[in-house]
Protein backbone atom coordinates (compact mmCIF):
# COMPACT_ATOMS: atom_id res chain seq x y z
CA MET A 1 68.96 71.72 -32.33
CA ASN A 2 67.99 71.58 -35.99
CA SER A 3 67.40 67.83 -35.80
CA TRP A 4 65.18 68.31 -32.74
CA ILE A 5 63.05 70.87 -34.58
CA ILE A 6 62.78 68.59 -37.65
CA SER A 7 61.66 65.63 -35.50
CA LYS A 8 58.98 67.78 -33.84
CA ILE A 9 57.75 68.98 -37.22
CA LYS A 10 57.46 65.36 -38.36
CA TYR A 11 55.33 64.53 -35.33
CA LEU A 12 53.09 67.55 -35.94
CA VAL A 13 52.63 66.66 -39.61
CA GLY A 14 51.75 63.07 -38.68
CA ILE A 15 49.25 64.22 -36.07
CA ALA A 16 47.71 66.61 -38.60
CA PHE A 17 47.24 63.83 -41.17
CA VAL A 18 45.64 61.55 -38.54
CA GLY A 19 43.37 64.37 -37.43
CA ILE A 20 42.23 65.10 -41.00
CA PHE A 21 41.58 61.39 -41.60
CA LEU A 22 39.51 61.04 -38.41
CA TRP A 23 37.57 64.21 -39.22
CA ALA A 24 36.74 62.96 -42.71
CA LEU A 25 35.76 59.54 -41.34
CA LEU A 26 33.51 61.13 -38.71
CA TRP A 27 31.62 63.24 -41.23
CA THR A 28 31.31 60.32 -43.62
CA VAL A 29 29.64 58.27 -40.89
CA VAL A 30 27.41 61.20 -39.94
CA GLY A 31 26.43 61.67 -43.59
CA VAL A 32 25.51 57.99 -43.98
CA ILE A 33 23.39 58.13 -40.82
CA LYS A 34 21.59 61.33 -41.86
CA GLU A 35 21.15 60.37 -45.50
CA PRO A 36 21.35 56.57 -45.92
CA PRO A 37 21.78 55.23 -49.47
CA ALA A 38 18.55 54.83 -51.39
CA GLU A 39 17.20 51.29 -51.43
CA THR A 40 17.44 49.49 -54.75
CA ALA A 41 14.92 47.05 -56.22
CA GLU A 42 17.23 44.17 -55.33
CA HIS A 43 17.20 45.22 -51.66
CA VAL A 44 13.43 45.64 -51.53
CA MET A 45 12.28 42.59 -53.52
CA HIS A 46 15.08 40.09 -52.99
CA LYS A 47 14.17 37.31 -50.56
CA HIS A 48 16.41 35.11 -48.47
CA PRO A 49 16.01 31.37 -49.10
CA GLU A 50 13.40 29.53 -47.08
CA LYS A 51 14.64 27.04 -44.51
CA LEU A 52 15.21 23.53 -45.84
CA HIS A 53 15.82 20.59 -43.52
CA LEU A 54 17.65 17.61 -45.00
CA ALA A 55 18.75 14.31 -43.48
CA SER A 56 22.39 15.29 -44.06
CA ASP A 57 22.16 18.45 -41.94
CA GLY A 58 24.18 18.75 -38.74
CA PRO A 59 27.36 17.03 -37.58
CA PHE A 60 25.56 13.69 -37.15
CA GLY A 61 23.49 13.91 -40.34
CA LYS A 62 23.53 11.16 -42.95
CA PHE A 63 22.34 11.08 -46.53
CA ASP A 64 18.92 9.64 -47.27
CA ARG A 65 19.78 7.30 -50.15
CA ARG A 66 16.18 7.02 -51.32
CA GLN A 67 15.90 10.79 -51.52
CA LEU A 68 19.23 11.03 -53.34
CA GLN A 69 18.02 8.51 -55.93
CA ARG A 70 14.84 10.54 -56.41
CA GLY A 71 16.94 13.70 -56.73
CA PHE A 72 19.14 12.04 -59.33
CA GLN A 73 16.01 11.06 -61.25
CA VAL A 74 14.86 14.70 -61.25
CA TYR A 75 18.29 15.84 -62.40
CA LYS A 76 18.38 13.20 -65.14
CA GLU A 77 14.90 13.86 -66.51
CA VAL A 78 14.68 17.63 -66.00
CA CYS A 79 18.04 19.31 -65.41
CA SER A 80 20.58 17.29 -67.40
CA THR A 81 19.58 18.74 -70.78
CA CYS A 82 20.99 22.11 -69.71
CA HIS A 83 23.34 21.55 -66.78
CA SER A 84 26.40 19.32 -66.41
CA LEU A 85 27.82 17.40 -63.45
CA ASN A 86 31.29 17.25 -64.90
CA LEU A 87 33.11 16.79 -61.58
CA LEU A 88 31.23 13.56 -60.97
CA SER A 89 31.73 10.15 -62.58
CA PHE A 90 28.96 7.70 -63.37
CA ARG A 91 30.54 5.14 -61.06
CA ASN A 92 30.00 7.53 -58.12
CA LEU A 93 26.31 6.65 -58.39
CA LYS A 94 27.10 3.34 -56.68
CA ASP A 95 27.29 5.36 -53.47
CA LEU A 96 23.56 6.06 -53.87
CA GLY A 97 22.74 2.35 -53.87
CA TYR A 98 22.79 1.60 -57.60
CA THR A 99 24.31 -1.71 -58.67
CA ASP A 100 27.18 -2.06 -61.15
CA ALA A 101 24.74 -3.17 -63.84
CA GLU A 102 22.43 -0.20 -63.18
CA VAL A 103 25.34 2.26 -63.29
CA LYS A 104 26.57 0.74 -66.55
CA LYS A 105 23.11 1.08 -68.09
CA ILE A 106 22.69 4.67 -66.87
CA ALA A 107 26.04 5.59 -68.42
CA LYS A 108 25.32 3.85 -71.71
CA ASP A 109 21.81 5.32 -72.06
CA TRP A 110 22.89 8.88 -71.20
CA ALA A 111 21.68 11.28 -73.89
CA ILE A 112 25.03 13.07 -74.34
CA LYS A 113 27.85 10.80 -75.49
CA GLN A 114 31.60 11.04 -74.99
CA PRO A 115 33.53 12.71 -77.82
CA VAL A 116 36.29 10.74 -79.54
CA PHE A 117 39.37 12.76 -80.43
CA ASP A 118 41.82 12.23 -83.29
CA ASP A 119 45.61 12.58 -83.11
CA LYS A 120 45.41 16.32 -83.76
CA GLY A 121 42.94 17.03 -80.97
CA GLY A 122 39.86 17.28 -83.17
CA THR A 123 36.72 15.22 -82.66
CA TRP A 124 35.78 12.61 -85.23
CA GLY A 125 32.99 10.77 -83.49
CA GLU A 126 31.25 9.75 -80.30
CA ARG A 127 31.12 6.70 -78.08
CA ASP A 128 28.88 5.47 -75.29
CA ASN A 129 29.68 6.56 -71.76
CA THR A 130 31.23 4.05 -69.38
CA PRO A 131 31.02 4.04 -65.56
CA ALA A 132 34.57 5.47 -65.41
CA ASP A 133 33.58 8.54 -67.48
CA ARG A 134 32.53 11.80 -65.97
CA PHE A 135 29.08 13.15 -66.77
CA PRO A 136 29.44 14.81 -70.18
CA LYS A 137 29.50 18.59 -70.42
CA VAL A 138 26.53 20.38 -71.95
CA TYR A 139 27.44 22.86 -74.68
CA TYR A 140 25.31 25.47 -76.41
CA PRO A 141 27.49 26.79 -79.25
CA GLY A 142 27.21 30.53 -79.64
CA THR A 143 25.09 31.08 -76.52
CA GLY A 144 27.45 30.08 -73.74
CA THR A 145 27.51 27.13 -71.41
CA PRO A 146 24.98 26.89 -68.55
CA PRO A 147 26.49 26.59 -65.05
CA ASP A 148 27.80 23.18 -64.01
CA LEU A 149 25.85 21.96 -60.97
CA SER A 150 28.54 19.76 -59.40
CA LEU A 151 29.40 22.35 -56.72
CA ILE A 152 26.36 24.62 -56.90
CA THR A 153 25.39 24.09 -53.24
CA LYS A 154 28.92 25.05 -52.21
CA ALA A 155 29.09 28.03 -54.57
CA ARG A 156 25.82 29.63 -53.43
CA HIS A 157 25.08 31.06 -50.02
CA ASP A 158 22.61 28.85 -48.13
CA GLY A 159 23.38 26.00 -50.55
CA ALA A 160 20.49 23.55 -50.79
CA ALA A 161 18.01 26.08 -49.35
CA TYR A 162 18.91 28.49 -52.17
CA VAL A 163 18.42 25.83 -54.85
CA HIS A 164 15.08 24.75 -53.37
CA SER A 165 13.78 28.32 -53.02
CA LEU A 166 14.93 29.27 -56.51
CA LEU A 167 13.20 26.26 -58.09
CA THR A 168 9.93 26.96 -56.27
CA GLY A 169 10.04 30.77 -56.52
CA TYR A 170 8.97 31.26 -60.13
CA ASN A 171 5.26 31.54 -59.29
CA GLN A 172 5.83 34.60 -57.07
CA LYS A 173 5.24 38.12 -58.35
CA PRO A 174 6.43 41.53 -57.13
CA SER A 175 4.09 43.08 -54.57
CA ALA A 176 1.95 46.06 -55.57
CA GLU A 177 3.93 48.31 -53.21
CA ALA A 178 7.24 47.21 -54.76
CA VAL A 179 5.97 47.76 -58.30
CA LYS A 180 4.72 51.20 -57.31
CA GLU A 181 8.18 52.08 -56.02
CA PHE A 182 10.00 50.43 -58.94
CA PRO A 183 7.67 50.60 -61.99
CA GLU A 184 10.27 48.96 -64.24
CA PHE A 185 9.44 45.65 -62.58
CA ALA A 186 5.77 45.81 -63.54
CA LYS A 187 6.69 43.90 -66.69
CA THR A 188 9.38 41.23 -66.83
CA PRO A 189 11.80 41.75 -69.77
CA ASP A 190 11.41 39.41 -72.73
CA GLY A 191 13.31 36.18 -72.29
CA MET A 192 13.59 36.66 -68.52
CA HIS A 193 11.63 35.29 -65.58
CA PHE A 194 10.99 37.02 -62.27
CA ASN A 195 12.28 35.12 -59.25
CA PRO A 196 12.71 36.92 -55.91
CA TYR A 197 15.38 34.44 -54.74
CA PHE A 198 17.70 35.25 -57.64
CA ALA A 199 20.18 38.03 -56.92
CA ASN A 200 19.15 40.18 -59.91
CA LEU A 201 15.45 39.26 -59.56
CA ASN A 202 15.13 38.40 -63.26
CA ILE A 203 16.66 35.11 -64.41
CA ALA A 204 17.07 33.76 -67.94
CA MET A 205 16.41 30.13 -66.94
CA PRO A 206 12.75 29.22 -67.41
CA PRO A 207 11.07 27.34 -64.55
CA PRO A 208 12.36 23.73 -64.73
CA LEU A 209 9.71 22.26 -62.44
CA THR A 210 6.37 23.35 -63.79
CA GLN A 211 3.80 20.88 -62.48
CA ASP A 212 3.21 18.03 -60.07
CA GLY A 213 3.91 14.61 -61.52
CA GLN A 214 6.54 15.91 -63.93
CA VAL A 215 8.67 12.96 -62.79
CA THR A 216 7.31 9.55 -61.86
CA TYR A 217 9.21 8.25 -58.86
CA SER A 218 10.00 4.55 -58.86
CA ASP A 219 9.50 4.32 -55.08
CA GLY A 220 5.93 5.63 -55.26
CA THR A 221 6.62 9.02 -53.62
CA ARG A 222 4.19 11.72 -54.80
CA ALA A 223 6.18 14.00 -57.08
CA THR A 224 4.94 17.46 -56.19
CA VAL A 225 6.96 20.47 -57.32
CA ASP A 226 8.08 21.05 -53.73
CA GLN A 227 9.07 17.38 -53.27
CA MET A 228 11.02 17.27 -56.53
CA SER A 229 12.78 20.50 -55.58
CA GLN A 230 13.75 19.14 -52.16
CA ASP A 231 15.00 15.88 -53.66
CA VAL A 232 17.17 17.46 -56.34
CA SER A 233 18.54 19.94 -53.77
CA ALA A 234 19.52 17.03 -51.51
CA PHE A 235 21.13 15.29 -54.51
CA LEU A 236 23.18 18.40 -55.32
CA VAL A 237 24.39 18.54 -51.71
CA TRP A 238 25.74 15.04 -52.28
CA THR A 239 27.36 15.93 -55.64
CA ALA A 240 29.17 18.83 -53.97
CA GLU A 241 30.55 16.60 -51.23
CA PRO A 242 29.98 12.87 -51.84
CA THR A 243 32.44 11.98 -49.04
CA LEU A 244 30.56 14.04 -46.45
CA GLU A 245 29.71 11.07 -44.21
CA THR A 246 33.25 9.64 -44.40
CA ARG A 247 34.76 13.03 -43.57
CA ARG A 248 32.55 13.40 -40.51
CA GLN A 249 33.36 9.89 -39.32
CA ALA A 250 37.08 10.61 -39.71
CA GLY A 251 36.63 13.88 -37.81
CA PHE A 252 34.96 12.15 -34.87
CA ALA A 253 37.73 9.51 -34.84
CA VAL A 254 40.38 12.25 -34.73
CA LEU A 255 38.57 14.08 -31.92
CA GLY A 256 38.32 10.82 -29.97
CA PHE A 257 42.02 10.17 -30.44
CA LEU A 258 42.94 13.69 -29.34
CA LEU A 259 40.74 13.37 -26.26
CA LEU A 260 42.31 10.01 -25.32
CA ALA A 261 45.82 11.37 -25.96
CA THR A 262 45.07 14.38 -23.74
CA ILE A 263 43.91 12.13 -20.88
CA LEU A 264 47.00 9.90 -21.20
CA ALA A 265 49.31 12.90 -21.34
CA PHE A 266 47.72 14.41 -18.23
CA GLY A 267 48.01 11.05 -16.43
CA ALA A 268 51.69 10.79 -17.40
CA TYR A 269 52.27 14.34 -16.18
CA ARG A 270 50.75 13.51 -12.79
CA VAL A 271 52.87 10.35 -12.43
CA VAL A 272 56.18 11.94 -13.52
CA TRP A 273 55.81 15.05 -11.35
CA ALA A 274 54.00 13.43 -8.41
CA ASP A 275 57.02 13.60 -6.08
CA VAL A 276 58.11 17.08 -7.07
CA LYS A 277 57.25 19.67 -4.45
CA HIS A 278 56.43 23.19 -5.53
């Protein structure tokens, strides 16, 4: 009898806890509906990246080598002074259509050289880059290291579209209504730059692409700010996944094999069990 009473008490206590939890959850939901959280400046002013269509989009997309070469030129002449591509080797540029001689020259002429280490791990000099070397890291002693761009389109939501929108979003300003609601954004803090596509709205990086013709393309393409931004975004898609085309081709081959194997297995099933009556 005592054990029966104890078991019933356990059930009642459990039901009571569940009831209290559901009651608290209900009133929490009701409170959020009646009094939703106040909107922050980030919610009001932050913009989602604009759509960007690249040749590599979609399951059948392929890289536009000419665009990738233009994007590499923008990276080299504009971005490389601050941002590394340390997961990429110079010899990977052959995939963009550069010859061995061109890759060797690009590596040798690169502004940042490879450090030479002594037996104790300290540096005692520098040497020219070779095609087998990775792109050297960019260091700013005492101020931190800017983000490496090798995987930036994988690390950011919307990838290339985010990069493109961020690079072209510096000329935008907060609307009058937004400034009225959040007066602190009427003036951008010193050393910062307003950009509605950046999560915190104010970014320390100054606008890298400031005017048309900042880069002179070797293929004659007109280098507008929008064009340069698209090209470097496409290039960074390639740096994040240089084997994209090969991976897709392998995927289609595997799907074809599985489809063929399924058909053969079904045919074998029909032959083996043809004379079996159900």
